[in-house]
Structure formats: structure tokens, C-alpha cells
Amino acid sequence: MDFYHNLSEAVGHGNILRNELMADHTTFRIGGPADYFVIPENGESLGRGIALCRSAGIPYFITGNGSNLLVGDGGYRGVIFNICRTMDEVIYEEEGSRLLVTAGAGMMLAKLAREVSEKGYVGFEYATGIPGTLGGAVTMNAGAYGGEISDAILWAEVMDETGRILRLDKEELKLSYRHSVMMEEDYIVLKAAFCFDRGDRNSIMEKVGQLSRTRREKQPLEYPSAGSTFKRPEGYFAGKLIQDCGLKGYRVGDAMVSEKHSGFVVNAGHATASDVVALIQHVQQTVKEQFHVVIEPEIRMLGDF
């Protein structure tokens, strides 16, 4: 049998699309076709698919909501495993004044954070506007407005490149600014557990509403983007440096430095991945020349550019 039929057997028939445009699966709305786009039913299905790719020497990549991803115009030669439509189970356990939460990697982070907040538990308000999945959020230790995943995580269940499943405690996850052990060891997050303390529900929901208003006012949510484009350089703010370089509104094709927040590169129409890369490189070079500061992209780049 050919690879397609073997993959179908591994992950389940009806879960595979061929030559699927990644522009339809990223928040940037950019990206050429992936050879295979797979929606695994569960962690076991994902493991079987990955094992097949490894034995056949076929590249693979796991995506969630595609909210921190720029895929090249040439697409991706290999298999994309997309988990944001499955692997989204969640278990809530109340123990006295604490809430224990165990959720699958495909769970949307914003939805999970809102549910925790609505139950009257404090500490997840910051995440109610982050658009990615839990798996991606744990992998990059996602954060906003002074909070981040490392604040309340207890452990994560991950799969290594051989298909072995490991449970890593918080210390073993090596969570730091936009970094984790997953990036070092090529682990795949399957699920994670958190603990939150009870708080005043009215105050919590007021904070959620305040953060939501702040995002609408300060972030270019009206345009497709991959979120904040650059990491925060130590001692500086990337958006401030870019703005001070006079680059607010600067364009390459339809890729544009947001006029609302200079830390975001947005798709102002029909931007290509090449447009975005050229714009990022121009911004990096300009900031380095004017302020002698190196800013690095926060978004992940994948595929053929």
C-alpha cells in the first residue's frame, strides 16, 4: 500500500485531507498546501500517525489553532497533524477552595481560561484572550498581562519522538519566557494539569472584561495575524522600538506593521508568507541599525518559503 493508505489505517479513515491549504488553518490566513492534513481522533491515533511518519521518513508537524504560525507559500512537504478539533477533553475537580483542572492539548486556551474564571477561580484571567490551544500554550509558556502558563501548571503529559508517553512535573518542563523543555527535546504535549484558588467571582469577571476591552483597544484584532510577532528583548519593548523607528504602518505588499500596535505584523489583505518574512527582516535590520538591539520573531515559521 502507498503512504496515504498506510496513514489512513494508522489514524482512521476520513480524517485525512490531501493538498490542504494551510491558509485555512492559521490565524494569519497565509500558507500554501500541506501534502497531508490529518485530524487524529485521540492521542493514540496521533501516536500511530507519528510512528508511521518516522518509519517512512516523512516530515510531520503538530498544530493547534495555527495562532502562532507562519506557513510558507510553497506549503509543507509532509504531514500536518491538527489537534484543535479533537483531544479537547477537560476534567474539573473541586477540592475545598482549590480547583484542579486537567485538559487535553487540543482544548482552546481562551475557552478553558474563561470557564475557570466563570467558576470563580483566580489566576487564569490573563489567558481569556489568547487564541491558541493548550498544547501550544504550554510548549511556549504563553502569557499576557503579567500572567503565564508556568504560574499554575502542575504537570504535563508529553509524547517523545519514539512515541513513549512521559509525565513531566512543573520543574521538569523548564518553563521560562516563551520557552520550555518541549522545544529542547521535541516533545509533544498531550494534556496538562493546573491548580487555581477560589476568588471573588465578580472581581474575576470584572478583570476578564477589563482585559478584553484592553485587547480590543490596543491590539489589531480586526486583521489576521499570528499575534505578537516579536519576542520582548531584555530591557526593552519590541513594539516601542519599532514605533520609534517610524515603522508603524510600514508595508511589504499586504503585510503591514500594525498602526494600532507596532509589535504586530498583520495581513492587511492578501499578504504572502514572502511579504511577511521580508517585512520582519526589514524591521529587524532597522531596529538593529537605530538602537543596536536584536529583536527575534516570536512566531514559528514552517514549510517552503
Protein backbone atom coordinates (compact mmCIF):
# COMPACT_ATOMS: atom_id res chain seq x y z
CA MET A 1 0.00 0.00 0.00
CA ASP A 2 1.10 3.60 -0.55
CA PHE A 3 1.75 6.08 2.25
CA TYR A 4 -1.75 7.59 2.09
CA HIS A 5 -3.43 4.23 2.69
CA ASN A 6 -0.99 3.36 5.46
CA LEU A 7 -1.69 6.72 7.10
CA SER A 8 -5.43 6.13 6.78
CA GLU A 9 -5.05 2.81 8.54
CA ALA A 10 -2.99 4.40 11.29
CA VAL A 11 -5.18 7.39 12.13
CA GLY A 12 -8.61 6.37 10.89
CA HIS A 13 -10.33 6.76 7.56
CA GLY A 14 -11.99 10.10 6.82
CA ASN A 15 -9.53 12.11 8.92
CA ILE A 16 -7.06 12.94 6.15
CA LEU A 17 -7.08 15.76 3.59
CA ARG A 18 -4.57 15.98 0.76
CA ASN A 19 -3.03 19.21 -0.55
CA GLU A 20 -4.90 21.21 2.09
CA LEU A 21 -4.22 24.95 2.10
CA MET A 22 -2.68 25.98 5.39
CA ALA A 23 -4.08 29.48 4.90
CA ASP A 24 -7.38 27.94 6.02
CA HIS A 25 -5.80 26.68 9.25
CA THR A 26 -3.73 29.61 10.52
CA THR A 27 -4.87 32.87 12.09
CA PHE A 28 -2.54 34.70 9.67
CA ARG A 29 -4.66 33.31 6.79
CA ILE A 30 -1.40 32.63 4.95
CA GLY A 31 0.19 29.40 3.75
CA GLY A 32 0.41 27.02 0.83
CA PRO A 33 -0.79 23.39 0.72
CA ALA A 34 0.29 20.65 3.09
CA ASP A 35 0.74 17.25 1.44
CA TYR A 36 -1.40 15.65 4.15
CA PHE A 37 -3.59 17.31 6.77
CA VAL A 38 -4.62 14.87 9.49
CA ILE A 39 -7.14 15.24 12.30
CA PRO A 40 -6.29 12.46 14.79
CA GLU A 41 -9.13 11.13 16.91
CA ASN A 42 -7.06 10.97 20.11
CA GLY A 43 -3.54 10.67 21.48
CA GLU A 44 -3.26 7.03 20.46
CA SER A 45 -4.23 7.88 16.88
CA LEU A 46 -1.70 10.71 16.87
CA GLY A 47 1.00 8.37 18.17
CA ARG A 48 0.31 5.81 15.45
CA GLY A 49 0.44 8.52 12.78
CA ILE A 50 3.73 9.89 14.07
CA ALA A 51 5.24 6.41 14.27
CA LEU A 52 4.31 5.80 10.63
CA CYS A 53 5.85 9.12 9.56
CA ARG A 54 9.06 8.31 11.37
CA SER A 55 9.33 4.82 9.90
CA ALA A 56 8.64 6.17 6.40
CA GLY A 57 10.97 9.16 6.79
CA ILE A 58 8.12 11.63 6.20
CA PRO A 59 8.35 15.05 7.94
CA TYR A 60 5.50 15.92 10.29
CA PHE A 61 4.35 18.83 12.43
CA ILE A 62 1.63 19.20 15.09
CA THR A 63 -0.60 22.29 15.00
CA GLY A 64 -3.47 23.56 17.08
CA ASN A 65 -5.31 26.73 16.14
CA GLY A 66 -2.39 27.93 14.00
CA SER A 67 -2.30 31.15 16.01
CA ASN A 68 1.47 31.47 16.28
CA LEU A 69 2.41 30.06 12.89
CA LEU A 70 3.56 31.37 9.51
CA VAL A 71 3.49 28.71 6.79
CA GLY A 72 5.47 29.28 3.60
CA ASP A 73 3.81 30.00 0.28
CA GLY A 74 5.13 26.68 -1.01
CA GLY A 75 3.28 24.82 1.72
CA TYR A 76 4.56 21.87 3.71
CA ARG A 77 6.04 18.70 2.29
CA GLY A 78 4.86 16.20 4.84
CA VAL A 79 2.06 15.59 7.32
CA ILE A 80 0.31 18.21 9.45
CA PHE A 81 -1.42 16.73 12.49
CA ASN A 82 -4.11 19.15 13.67
CA ILE A 83 -5.43 18.60 17.19
CA CYS A 84 -7.65 21.61 17.86
CA ARG A 85 -10.82 19.77 16.80
CA THR A 86 -10.13 16.75 18.99
CA MET A 87 -8.09 15.96 22.11
CA ASP A 88 -10.04 18.72 23.89
CA GLU A 89 -11.43 16.86 26.90
CA VAL A 90 -11.39 18.67 30.24
CA ILE A 91 -11.92 17.47 33.83
CA TYR A 92 -12.68 19.85 36.73
CA GLU A 93 -12.19 18.65 40.32
CA GLU A 94 -13.01 20.92 43.24
CA GLU A 95 -11.04 20.27 46.41
CA GLY A 96 -12.01 22.68 49.13
CA SER A 97 -11.02 26.15 47.95
CA ARG A 98 -8.97 24.83 45.04
CA LEU A 99 -9.85 23.77 41.50
CA LEU A 100 -7.81 21.06 39.79
CA VAL A 101 -8.06 21.19 36.00
CA THR A 102 -6.84 18.51 33.61
CA ALA A 103 -7.28 19.30 29.91
CA GLY A 104 -6.27 17.88 26.56
CA ALA A 105 -3.78 19.66 24.34
CA GLY A 106 -6.46 20.44 21.75
CA MET A 107 -8.54 22.49 24.19
CA MET A 108 -8.72 26.16 23.21
CA LEU A 109 -6.84 28.10 25.89
CA ALA A 110 -9.21 31.08 25.90
CA LYS A 111 -12.24 28.82 26.38
CA LEU A 112 -10.57 26.94 29.23
CA ALA A 113 -9.49 30.17 30.93
CA ARG A 114 -12.97 31.65 30.66
CA GLU A 115 -14.57 28.52 32.15
CA VAL A 116 -12.15 28.58 35.08
CA SER A 117 -12.86 32.29 35.63
CA GLU A 118 -16.62 31.83 35.42
CA LYS A 119 -16.41 29.15 38.11
CA GLY A 120 -14.92 31.78 40.41
CA TYR A 121 -11.27 30.73 40.47
CA VAL A 122 -8.48 33.25 40.17
CA GLY A 123 -5.27 33.24 38.15
CA PHE A 124 -6.32 32.42 34.59
CA GLU A 125 -7.90 35.72 33.61
CA TYR A 126 -4.90 36.74 31.51
CA ALA A 127 -5.47 33.82 29.12
CA THR A 128 -9.10 34.54 28.21
CA GLY A 129 -7.97 36.38 25.09
CA ILE A 130 -5.11 34.12 23.93
CA PRO A 131 -6.30 32.37 20.74
CA GLY A 132 -4.20 29.18 20.68
CA THR A 133 -4.63 25.68 22.05
CA LEU A 134 -3.46 24.46 25.43
CA GLY A 135 -0.73 22.32 23.89
CA GLY A 136 0.81 25.25 22.07
CA ALA A 137 0.44 27.47 25.11
CA VAL A 138 2.30 25.02 27.35
CA THR A 139 5.01 24.50 24.71
CA MET A 140 5.80 28.21 24.51
CA ASN A 141 4.81 29.11 28.09
CA ALA A 142 2.27 31.54 26.68
CA GLY A 143 1.41 34.61 28.67
CA ALA A 144 -0.10 38.09 28.66
CA TYR A 145 -0.71 40.99 31.03
CA GLY A 146 1.62 39.70 33.73
CA GLY A 147 0.46 36.09 33.77
CA GLU A 148 1.82 32.97 32.08
CA ILE A 149 1.24 29.22 31.91
CA SER A 150 4.00 28.48 34.42
CA ASP A 151 2.07 30.29 37.16
CA ALA A 152 -0.42 27.48 37.83
CA ILE A 153 0.66 24.38 35.89
CA LEU A 154 1.25 21.19 37.89
CA TRP A 155 2.39 18.74 35.21
CA ALA A 156 2.10 17.89 31.54
CA GLU A 157 1.81 14.59 29.75
CA VAL A 158 4.01 14.54 26.66
CA MET A 159 4.99 12.17 23.88
CA ASP A 160 8.62 11.85 22.85
CA GLU A 161 9.84 11.18 19.32
CA THR A 162 9.70 7.40 19.85
CA GLY A 163 6.03 7.51 20.88
CA ARG A 164 6.78 6.99 24.58
CA ILE A 165 4.45 8.94 26.88
CA LEU A 166 6.00 10.80 29.81
CA ARG A 167 4.53 12.82 32.67
CA LEU A 168 6.71 15.82 33.47
CA ASP A 169 6.32 17.86 36.66
CA LYS A 170 6.50 21.64 36.54
CA GLU A 171 10.24 21.75 37.23
CA GLU A 172 10.93 19.20 34.50
CA LEU A 173 9.05 21.34 31.96
CA LYS A 174 11.76 24.04 32.24
CA LEU A 175 9.28 26.84 31.63
CA SER A 176 10.76 30.29 31.06
CA TYR A 177 9.94 33.25 28.82
CA ARG A 178 8.47 31.72 25.63
CA HIS A 179 10.45 28.55 26.21
CA SER A 180 10.06 25.02 27.57
CA VAL A 181 11.68 21.60 27.51
CA MET A 182 9.33 20.71 24.63
CA MET A 183 11.39 22.96 22.38
CA GLU A 184 14.63 21.32 23.51
CA GLU A 185 13.54 17.69 23.26
CA ASP A 186 10.89 17.83 20.53
CA TYR A 187 8.21 16.61 22.94
CA ILE A 188 4.52 16.83 22.00
CA VAL A 189 2.10 17.96 24.72
CA LEU A 190 -0.90 15.64 25.09
CA LYS A 191 -2.53 17.07 28.22
CA ALA A 192 -1.74 19.28 31.20
CA ALA A 193 -2.97 19.87 34.74
CA PHE A 194 -3.38 23.12 36.67
CA CYS A 195 -4.45 24.28 40.11
CA PHE A 196 -6.33 27.50 40.86
CA ASP A 197 -7.53 29.08 44.10
CA ARG A 198 -11.07 30.27 44.70
CA GLY A 199 -11.59 34.02 44.48
CA ASP A 200 -14.38 36.56 44.22
CA ARG A 201 -16.24 35.71 41.02
CA ASN A 202 -17.49 39.26 40.43
CA SER A 203 -13.96 40.68 40.71
CA ILE A 204 -12.59 37.95 38.48
CA MET A 205 -15.16 38.53 35.74
CA GLU A 206 -14.65 42.28 36.01
CA LYS A 207 -10.95 41.73 35.35
CA VAL A 208 -11.77 39.43 32.39
CA GLY A 209 -13.95 42.16 30.92
CA GLN A 210 -11.28 44.80 31.50
CA LEU A 211 -8.61 42.72 29.77
CA SER A 212 -10.97 42.04 26.87
CA ARG A 213 -11.57 45.78 26.40
CA THR A 214 -7.84 46.46 26.59
CA ARG A 215 -7.14 43.88 23.88
CA ARG A 216 -9.77 45.38 21.57
CA GLU A 217 -8.38 48.87 22.11
CA LYS A 218 -4.68 48.08 21.81
CA GLN A 219 -4.40 45.02 19.57
CA PRO A 220 -5.23 44.83 15.83
CA LEU A 221 -7.90 42.15 16.21
CA GLU A 222 -9.60 43.39 13.04
CA TYR A 223 -6.80 41.92 10.91
CA PRO A 224 -5.50 38.37 10.54
CA SER A 225 -2.18 37.95 12.36
CA ALA A 226 -0.13 35.47 14.33
CA GLY A 227 -0.36 37.56 17.47
CA SER A 228 2.64 39.37 18.86
CA THR A 229 5.31 38.99 16.18
CA PHE A 230 8.50 39.61 18.18
CA LYS A 231 9.84 38.41 21.49
CA ARG A 232 10.46 41.06 24.13
CA PRO A 233 14.19 41.91 24.10
CA GLU A 234 15.65 42.17 27.57
CA GLY A 235 15.24 45.68 28.90
CA TYR A 236 13.05 46.86 26.01
CA PHE A 237 9.64 46.51 24.41
CA ALA A 238 9.72 45.39 20.78
CA GLY A 239 6.65 47.42 19.81
CA LYS A 240 8.13 50.63 21.26
CA LEU A 241 11.43 50.11 19.42
CA ILE A 242 9.61 49.50 16.13
CA GLN A 243 7.38 52.52 16.62
CA ASP A 244 10.36 54.74 17.48
CA CYS A 245 11.95 53.65 14.20
CA GLY A 246 8.99 55.19 12.40
CA LEU A 247 7.81 51.82 11.10
CA LYS A 248 4.20 51.93 12.27
CA GLY A 249 2.11 51.24 9.16
CA TYR A 250 5.14 50.14 7.10
CA ARG A 251 4.18 47.63 4.41
CA VAL A 252 5.65 45.00 2.17
CA GLY A 253 2.85 44.00 -0.15
CA ASP A 254 -0.14 43.38 2.11
CA ALA A 255 2.00 42.56 5.14
CA MET A 256 1.89 45.58 7.45
CA VAL A 257 3.25 46.72 10.79
CA SER A 258 0.04 47.39 12.68
CA GLU A 259 -0.93 51.02 13.06
CA LYS A 260 -2.56 50.14 16.37
CA HIS A 261 0.32 48.18 17.94
CA SER A 262 3.73 48.13 16.29
CA GLY A 263 4.60 44.76 17.83
CA PHE A 264 2.13 43.06 15.49
CA VAL A 265 2.60 42.28 11.80
CA VAL A 266 -0.83 41.87 10.20
CA ASN A 267 -2.27 40.58 6.95
CA ALA A 268 -3.91 43.70 5.55
CA GLY A 269 -5.39 41.96 2.52
CA HIS A 270 -3.76 39.17 0.58
CA ALA A 271 -0.29 39.06 2.14
CA THR A 272 2.03 36.21 1.24
CA ALA A 273 4.50 34.50 3.54
CA SER A 274 7.28 36.10 1.50
CA ASP A 275 5.78 39.53 2.22
CA VAL A 276 5.76 38.80 5.95
CA VAL A 277 9.33 37.48 6.01
CA ALA A 278 10.62 40.49 4.05
CA LEU A 279 8.81 42.84 6.44
CA ILE A 280 10.16 41.07 9.52
CA GLN A 281 13.70 41.23 8.16
CA HIS A 282 13.37 44.94 7.38
CA VAL A 283 12.06 45.64 10.88
CA GLN A 284 14.88 43.64 12.47
CA GLN A 285 17.54 45.41 10.42
CA THR A 286 16.11 48.87 11.09
CA VAL A 287 15.85 48.32 14.85
CA LYS A 288 19.39 46.96 14.96
CA GLU A 289 20.77 49.90 12.99
CA GLN A 290 18.99 52.56 15.03
CA PHE A 291 19.08 51.09 18.54
CA HIS A 292 21.70 48.29 18.36
CA VAL A 293 19.08 45.86 19.70
CA VAL A 294 18.37 42.46 18.16
CA ILE A 295 14.68 41.51 18.11
CA GLU A 296 13.73 37.94 17.37
CA PRO A 297 10.47 36.64 15.90
CA GLU A 298 8.09 35.01 18.34
CA ILE A 299 6.11 33.31 15.59
CA ARG A 300 7.13 29.92 14.28
CA MET A 301 7.91 29.54 10.58
CA LEU A 302 7.13 26.30 8.81
CA GLY A 303 7.37 24.89 5.32
CA ASP A 304 8.68 26.07 1.98
CA PHE A 305 9.36 29.79 1.69
